[in-house]
Each structure stands twice: as structure tokens, then as C-alpha cells.
Amino acid sequence: MPVPPSIDEAELAALLKRAGLVLNANQVTAILPGAEIVQRLIARIHAPLPREAEPATTFDVEQE
């Protein structure tokens, strides 16, 4: 799985501001490690899965 680029404070502050959250520099610095974790989780969610990991979508129409 490719490693996503790490997020810096300026990028995080811009994302938070766009979301309507106005935080000071100390608050942005404090949540930066968590933002990196969330970024890795999002990359993992969007990673392609093998066919075996897909749910079964077959069914029998003529059930008793």
C-alpha cells in the first residue's frame, strides 16, 4: 500500500478552516499527530481489496 504524504501544520490549518473550525496554532500542533493517523486510515479504506474480500452477491431466486 502506498504511504500517503504526511500533512504539515499549514495544510491542516487550511483544512480545518475550510471545515469551519478556527483553531489557534497550539491547537493545530496538538492535533497534528491524530491528523496523520486519520490520513493513513483514509488511504487504507480506499486501497483496493482482493476479490476474496468482497461480499458474496449471489442469491437463489427460487427459495422455499
PDB file of N, CA and C in Angstrom:
ATOM      1  N   MET A   1       0.853  -1.171   0.000  1.00  0.00           N
ATOM      2  CA  MET A   1       0.000   0.000   0.000  1.00  0.00           C
ATOM      3  C   MET A   1       0.900   1.236   0.000  1.00  0.00           C
ATOM      4  N   PRO A   2       0.630   2.192  -0.878  1.00  0.00           N
ATOM      5  CA  PRO A   2       1.459   3.398  -0.889  1.00  0.00           C
ATOM      6  C   PRO A   2       1.247   4.227   0.373  1.00  0.00           C
ATOM      7  N   VAL A   3       2.325   4.821   0.837  1.00  0.00           N
ATOM      8  CA  VAL A   3       2.252   5.650   2.041  1.00  0.00           C
ATOM      9  C   VAL A   3       1.827   7.057   1.626  1.00  0.00           C
ATOM     10  N   PRO A   4       0.754   7.577   2.228  1.00  0.00           N
ATOM     11  CA  PRO A   4       0.318   8.923   1.865  1.00  0.00           C
ATOM     12  C   PRO A   4       1.315   9.964   2.366  1.00  0.00           C
ATOM     13  N   PRO A   5       1.389  11.080   1.699  1.00  0.00           N
ATOM     14  CA  PRO A   5       2.304  12.115   2.184  1.00  0.00           C
ATOM     15  C   PRO A   5       1.849  12.623   3.539  1.00  0.00           C
ATOM     16  N   SER A   6       2.813  12.969   4.378  1.00  0.00           N
ATOM     17  CA  SER A   6       2.446  13.477   5.696  1.00  0.00           C
ATOM     18  C   SER A   6       1.864  14.879   5.550  1.00  0.00           C
ATOM     19  N   ILE A   7       1.049  15.228   6.480  1.00  0.00           N
ATOM     20  CA  ILE A   7       0.371  16.524   6.453  1.00  0.00           C
ATOM     21  C   ILE A   7       1.162  17.492   7.336  1.00  0.00           C
ATOM     22  N   ASP A   8       1.305  18.722   6.892  1.00  0.00           N
ATOM     23  CA  ASP A   8       2.017  19.703   7.709  1.00  0.00           C
ATOM     24  C   ASP A   8       0.994  20.631   8.381  1.00  0.00           C
ATOM     25  N   GLU A   9       1.487  21.462   9.264  1.00  0.00           N
ATOM     26  CA  GLU A   9       0.601  22.324  10.051  1.00  0.00           C
ATOM     27  C   GLU A   9      -0.188  23.296   9.186  1.00  0.00           C
ATOM     28  N   ALA A  10       0.446  23.851   8.168  1.00  0.00           N
ATOM     29  CA  ALA A  10      -0.249  24.810   7.308  1.00  0.00           C
ATOM     30  C   ALA A  10      -1.392  24.147   6.550  1.00  0.00           C
ATOM     31  N   GLU A  11      -1.148  22.940   6.046  1.00  0.00           N
ATOM     32  CA  GLU A  11      -2.197  22.223   5.322  1.00  0.00           C
ATOM     33  C   GLU A  11      -3.338  21.837   6.255  1.00  0.00           C
ATOM     34  N   LEU A  12      -3.007  21.377   7.452  1.00  0.00           N
ATOM     35  CA  LEU A  12      -4.029  21.022   8.426  1.00  0.00           C
ATOM     36  C   LEU A  12      -4.842  22.249   8.818  1.00  0.00           C
ATOM     37  N   ALA A  13      -4.192  23.368   9.047  1.00  0.00           N
ATOM     38  CA  ALA A  13      -4.907  24.596   9.397  1.00  0.00           C
ATOM     39  C   ALA A  13      -5.852  25.014   8.283  1.00  0.00           C
ATOM     40  N   ALA A  14      -5.409  24.864   7.029  1.00  0.00           N
ATOM     41  CA  ALA A  14      -6.277  25.209   5.901  1.00  0.00           C
ATOM     42  C   ALA A  14      -7.481  24.281   5.825  1.00  0.00           C
ATOM     43  N   LEU A  15      -7.268  22.985   6.056  1.00  0.00           N
ATOM     44  CA  LEU A  15      -8.384  22.038   6.050  1.00  0.00           C
ATOM     45  C   LEU A  15      -9.383  22.343   7.165  1.00  0.00           C
ATOM     46  N   LEU A  16      -8.863  22.652   8.337  1.00  0.00           N
ATOM     47  CA  LEU A  16      -9.740  22.964   9.464  1.00  0.00           C
ATOM     48  C   LEU A  16     -10.528  24.249   9.215  1.00  0.00           C
ATOM     49  N   LYS A  17      -9.863  25.237   8.637  1.00  0.00           N
ATOM     50  CA  LYS A  17     -10.546  26.494   8.348  1.00  0.00           C
ATOM     51  C   LYS A  17     -11.636  26.287   7.312  1.00  0.00           C
ATOM     52  N   ARG A  18     -11.352  25.473   6.293  1.00  0.00           N
ATOM     53  CA  ARG A  18     -12.357  25.182   5.270  1.00  0.00           C
ATOM     54  C   ARG A  18     -13.554  24.449   5.871  1.00  0.00           C
ATOM     55  N   ALA A  19     -13.307  23.651   6.911  1.00  0.00           N
ATOM     56  CA  ALA A  19     -14.384  22.934   7.591  1.00  0.00           C
ATOM     57  C   ALA A  19     -15.133  23.813   8.587  1.00  0.00           C
ATOM     58  N   GLY A  20     -14.676  25.057   8.759  1.00  0.00           N
ATOM     59  CA  GLY A  20     -15.353  25.969   9.672  1.00  0.00           C
ATOM     60  C   GLY A  20     -14.811  25.951  11.081  1.00  0.00           C
ATOM     61  N   LEU A  21     -13.673  25.301  11.299  1.00  0.00           N
ATOM     62  CA  LEU A  21     -13.064  25.234  12.622  1.00  0.00           C
ATOM     63  C   LEU A  21     -11.901  26.208  12.684  1.00  0.00           C
ATOM     64  N   VAL A  22     -12.004  27.191  13.533  1.00  0.00           N
ATOM     65  CA  VAL A  22     -10.932  28.174  13.688  1.00  0.00           C
ATOM     66  C   VAL A  22     -10.172  27.826  14.958  1.00  0.00           C
ATOM     67  N   LEU A  23      -8.941  27.342  14.785  1.00  0.00           N
ATOM     68  CA  LEU A  23      -8.120  26.940  15.918  1.00  0.00           C
ATOM     69  C   LEU A  23      -6.845  27.770  15.934  1.00  0.00           C
ATOM     70  N   ASN A  24      -6.287  27.928  17.128  1.00  0.00           N
ATOM     71  CA  ASN A  24      -5.017  28.653  17.195  1.00  0.00           C
ATOM     72  C   ASN A  24      -3.865  27.698  16.855  1.00  0.00           C
ATOM     73  N   ALA A  25      -2.661  28.251  16.752  1.00  0.00           N
ATOM     74  CA  ALA A  25      -1.503  27.458  16.324  1.00  0.00           C
ATOM     75  C   ALA A  25      -1.204  26.311  17.284  1.00  0.00           C
ATOM     76  N   ASN A  26      -1.384  26.530  18.587  1.00  0.00           N
ATOM     77  CA  ASN A  26      -1.115  25.465  19.564  1.00  0.00           C
ATOM     78  C   ASN A  26      -2.102  24.307  19.400  1.00  0.00           C
ATOM     79  N   GLN A  27      -3.352  24.612  19.123  1.00  0.00           N
ATOM     80  CA  GLN A  27      -4.354  23.566  18.933  1.00  0.00           C
ATOM     81  C   GLN A  27      -4.074  22.761  17.664  1.00  0.00           C
ATOM     82  N   VAL A  28      -3.679  23.438  16.597  1.00  0.00           N
ATOM     83  CA  VAL A  28      -3.356  22.736  15.356  1.00  0.00           C
ATOM     84  C   VAL A  28      -2.159  21.812  15.577  1.00  0.00           C
ATOM     85  N   THR A  29      -1.156  22.287  16.277  1.00  0.00           N
ATOM     86  CA  THR A  29       0.018  21.475  16.572  1.00  0.00           C
ATOM     87  C   THR A  29      -0.356  20.262  17.421  1.00  0.00           C
ATOM     88  N   ALA A  30      -1.286  20.436  18.338  1.00  0.00           N
ATOM     89  CA  ALA A  30      -1.679  19.346  19.224  1.00  0.00           C
ATOM     90  C   ALA A  30      -2.425  18.235  18.488  1.00  0.00           C
ATOM     91  N   ILE A  31      -3.202  18.575  17.473  1.00  0.00           N
ATOM     92  CA  ILE A  31      -3.966  17.539  16.772  1.00  0.00           C
ATOM     93  C   ILE A  31      -3.264  17.023  15.524  1.00  0.00           C
ATOM     94  N   LEU A  32      -2.095  17.540  15.206  1.00  0.00           N
ATOM     95  CA  LEU A  32      -1.364  17.110  14.016  1.00  0.00           C
ATOM     96  C   LEU A  32      -1.055  15.605  14.011  1.00  0.00           C
ATOM     97  N   PRO A  33      -0.597  14.992  15.107  1.00  0.00           N
ATOM     98  CA  PRO A  33      -0.358  13.539  15.070  1.00  0.00           C
ATOM     99  C   PRO A  33      -1.631  12.741  14.779  1.00  0.00           C
ATOM    100  N   GLY A  34      -2.747  13.175  15.300  1.00  0.00           N
ATOM    101  CA  GLY A  34      -4.017  12.498  15.022  1.00  0.00           C
ATOM    102  C   GLY A  34      -4.436  12.652  13.571  1.00  0.00           C
ATOM    103  N   ALA A  35      -4.151  13.802  12.990  1.00  0.00           N
ATOM    104  CA  ALA A  35      -4.488  14.031  11.581  1.00  0.00           C
ATOM    105  C   ALA A  35      -3.694  13.098  10.680  1.00  0.00           C
ATOM    106  N   GLU A  36      -2.450  12.827  11.030  1.00  0.00           N
ATOM    107  CA  GLU A  36      -1.643  11.897  10.240  1.00  0.00           C
ATOM    108  C   GLU A  36      -2.201  10.484  10.325  1.00  0.00           C
ATOM    109  N   ILE A  37      -2.685  10.092  11.495  1.00  0.00           N
ATOM    110  CA  ILE A  37      -3.292   8.766  11.658  1.00  0.00           C
ATOM    111  C   ILE A  37      -4.558   8.664  10.815  1.00  0.00           C
ATOM    112  N   VAL A  38      -5.394   9.687  10.863  1.00  0.00           N
ATOM    113  CA  VAL A  38      -6.636   9.688  10.086  1.00  0.00           C
ATOM    114  C   VAL A  38      -6.323   9.641   8.594  1.00  0.00           C
ATOM    115  N   GLN A  39      -5.294  10.331   8.174  1.00  0.00           N
ATOM    116  CA  GLN A  39      -4.906  10.323   6.763  1.00  0.00           C
ATOM    117  C   GLN A  39      -4.502   8.911   6.324  1.00  0.00           C
ATOM    118  N   ARG A  40      -3.772   8.182   7.169  1.00  0.00           N
ATOM    119  CA  ARG A  40      -3.402   6.798   6.839  1.00  0.00           C
ATOM    120  C   ARG A  40      -4.622   5.890   6.807  1.00  0.00           C
ATOM    121  N   LEU A  41      -5.581   6.109   7.717  1.00  0.00           N
ATOM    122  CA  LEU A  41      -6.802   5.306   7.719  1.00  0.00           C
ATOM    123  C   LEU A  41      -7.610   5.525   6.441  1.00  0.00           C
ATOM    124  N   ILE A  42      -7.708   6.763   5.995  1.00  0.00           N
ATOM    125  CA  ILE A  42      -8.445   7.058   4.768  1.00  0.00           C
ATOM    126  C   ILE A  42      -7.782   6.383   3.574  1.00  0.00           C
ATOM    127  N   ALA A  43      -6.449   6.413   3.527  1.00  0.00           N
ATOM    128  CA  ALA A  43      -5.735   5.748   2.437  1.00  0.00           C
ATOM    129  C   ALA A  43      -5.988   4.244   2.467  1.00  0.00           C
ATOM    130  N   ARG A  44      -6.060   3.678   3.657  1.00  0.00           N
ATOM    131  CA  ARG A  44      -6.298   2.232   3.773  1.00  0.00           C
ATOM    132  C   ARG A  44      -7.718   1.867   3.353  1.00  0.00           C
ATOM    133  N   ILE A  45      -8.673   2.713   3.651  1.00  0.00           N
ATOM    134  CA  ILE A  45     -10.056   2.451   3.264  1.00  0.00           C
ATOM    135  C   ILE A  45     -10.188   2.446   1.749  1.00  0.00           C
ATOM    136  N   HIS A  46      -9.486   3.350   1.082  1.00  0.00           N
ATOM    137  CA  HIS A  46      -9.598   3.477  -0.365  1.00  0.00           C
ATOM    138  C   HIS A  46      -8.679   2.531  -1.136  1.00  0.00           C
ATOM    139  N   ALA A  47      -7.881   1.742  -0.435  1.00  0.00           N
ATOM    140  CA  ALA A  47      -6.992   0.797  -1.102  1.00  0.00           C
ATOM    141  C   ALA A  47      -7.811  -0.342  -1.700  1.00  0.00           C
ATOM    142  N   PRO A  48      -7.440  -0.818  -2.880  1.00  0.00           N
ATOM    143  CA  PRO A  48      -8.186  -1.924  -3.487  1.00  0.00           C
ATOM    144  C   PRO A  48      -8.044  -3.202  -2.664  1.00  0.00           C
ATOM    145  N   LEU A  49      -9.113  -3.965  -2.625  1.00  0.00           N
ATOM    146  CA  LEU A  49      -9.131  -5.223  -1.886  1.00  0.00           C
ATOM    147  C   LEU A  49      -9.071  -6.388  -2.863  1.00  0.00           C
ATOM    148  N   PRO A  50      -8.556  -7.516  -2.419  1.00  0.00           N
ATOM    149  CA  PRO A  50      -8.588  -8.686  -3.289  1.00  0.00           C
ATOM    150  C   PRO A  50     -10.027  -9.163  -3.473  1.00  0.00           C
ATOM    151  N   ARG A  51     -10.244  -9.930  -4.513  1.00  0.00           N
ATOM    152  CA  ARG A  51     -11.591 -10.403  -4.819  1.00  0.00           C
ATOM    153  C   ARG A  51     -12.190 -11.199  -3.661  1.00  0.00           C
ATOM    154  N   GLU A  52     -11.373 -11.918  -2.924  1.00  0.00           N
ATOM    155  CA  GLU A  52     -11.871 -12.743  -1.821  1.00  0.00           C
ATOM    156  C   GLU A  52     -12.442 -11.909  -0.679  1.00  0.00           C
ATOM    157  N   ALA A  53     -12.061 -10.651  -0.593  1.00  0.00           N
ATOM    158  CA  ALA A  53     -12.551  -9.792   0.484  1.00  0.00           C
ATOM    159  C   ALA A  53     -13.905  -9.180   0.172  1.00  0.00           C
ATOM    160  N   GLU A  54     -14.371  -9.328  -1.055  1.00  0.00           N
ATOM    161  CA  GLU A  54     -15.664  -8.763  -1.438  1.00  0.00           C
ATOM    162  C   GLU A  54     -16.792  -9.622  -0.880  1.00  0.00           C
ATOM    163  N   PRO A  55     -17.903  -9.011  -0.516  1.00  0.00           N
ATOM    164  CA  PRO A  55     -19.039  -9.798  -0.019  1.00  0.00           C
ATOM    165  C   PRO A  55     -19.676 -10.603  -1.152  1.00  0.00           C
ATOM    166  N   ALA A  56     -20.268 -11.719  -0.789  1.00  0.00           N
ATOM    167  CA  ALA A  56     -20.956 -12.540  -1.777  1.00  0.00           C
ATOM    168  C   ALA A  56     -22.219 -11.814  -2.228  1.00  0.00           C
ATOM    169  N   THR A  57     -22.423 -11.748  -3.520  1.00  0.00           N
ATOM    170  CA  THR A  57     -23.608 -11.041  -4.040  1.00  0.00           C
ATOM    171  C   THR A  57     -24.516 -11.973  -4.821  1.00  0.00           C
ATOM    172  N   THR A  58     -24.289 -13.270  -4.714  1.00  0.00           N
ATOM    173  CA  THR A  58     -25.157 -14.212  -5.417  1.00  0.00           C
ATOM    174  C   THR A  58     -26.281 -14.647  -4.495  1.00  0.00           C
ATOM    175  N   PHE A  59     -27.394 -14.927  -5.081  1.00  0.00           N
ATOM    176  CA  PHE A  59     -28.536 -15.416  -4.308  1.00  0.00           C
ATOM    177  C   PHE A  59     -29.377 -16.313  -5.195  1.00  0.00           C
ATOM    178  N   ASP A  60     -30.213 -17.102  -4.571  1.00  0.00           N
ATOM    179  CA  ASP A  60     -31.088 -18.025  -5.275  1.00  0.00           C
ATOM    180  C   ASP A  60     -32.492 -17.435  -5.263  1.00  0.00           C
ATOM    181  N   VAL A  61     -33.037 -17.166  -6.428  1.00  0.00           N
ATOM    182  CA  VAL A  61     -34.339 -16.532  -6.525  1.00  0.00           C
ATOM    183  C   VAL A  61     -35.441 -17.478  -6.071  1.00  0.00           C
ATOM    184  N   GLU A  62     -35.288 -18.748  -6.371  1.00  0.00           N
ATOM    185  CA  GLU A  62     -36.326 -19.726  -6.063  1.00  0.00           C
ATOM    186  C   GLU A  62     -36.087 -20.379  -4.716  1.00  0.00           C
ATOM    187  N   GLN A  63     -36.217 -19.614  -3.656  1.00  0.00           N
ATOM    188  CA  GLN A  63     -36.065 -20.167  -2.319  1.00  0.00           C
ATOM    189  C   GLN A  63     -37.401 -20.697  -1.838  1.00  0.00           C
ATOM    190  N   GLU A  64     -37.356 -21.681  -0.978  1.00  0.00           N
ATOM    191  CA  GLU A  64     -38.606 -22.257  -0.449  1.00  0.00           C
ATOM    192  C   GLU A  64     -39.069 -21.537   0.768  1.00  0.00           C
TER     193      GLU A  64
END
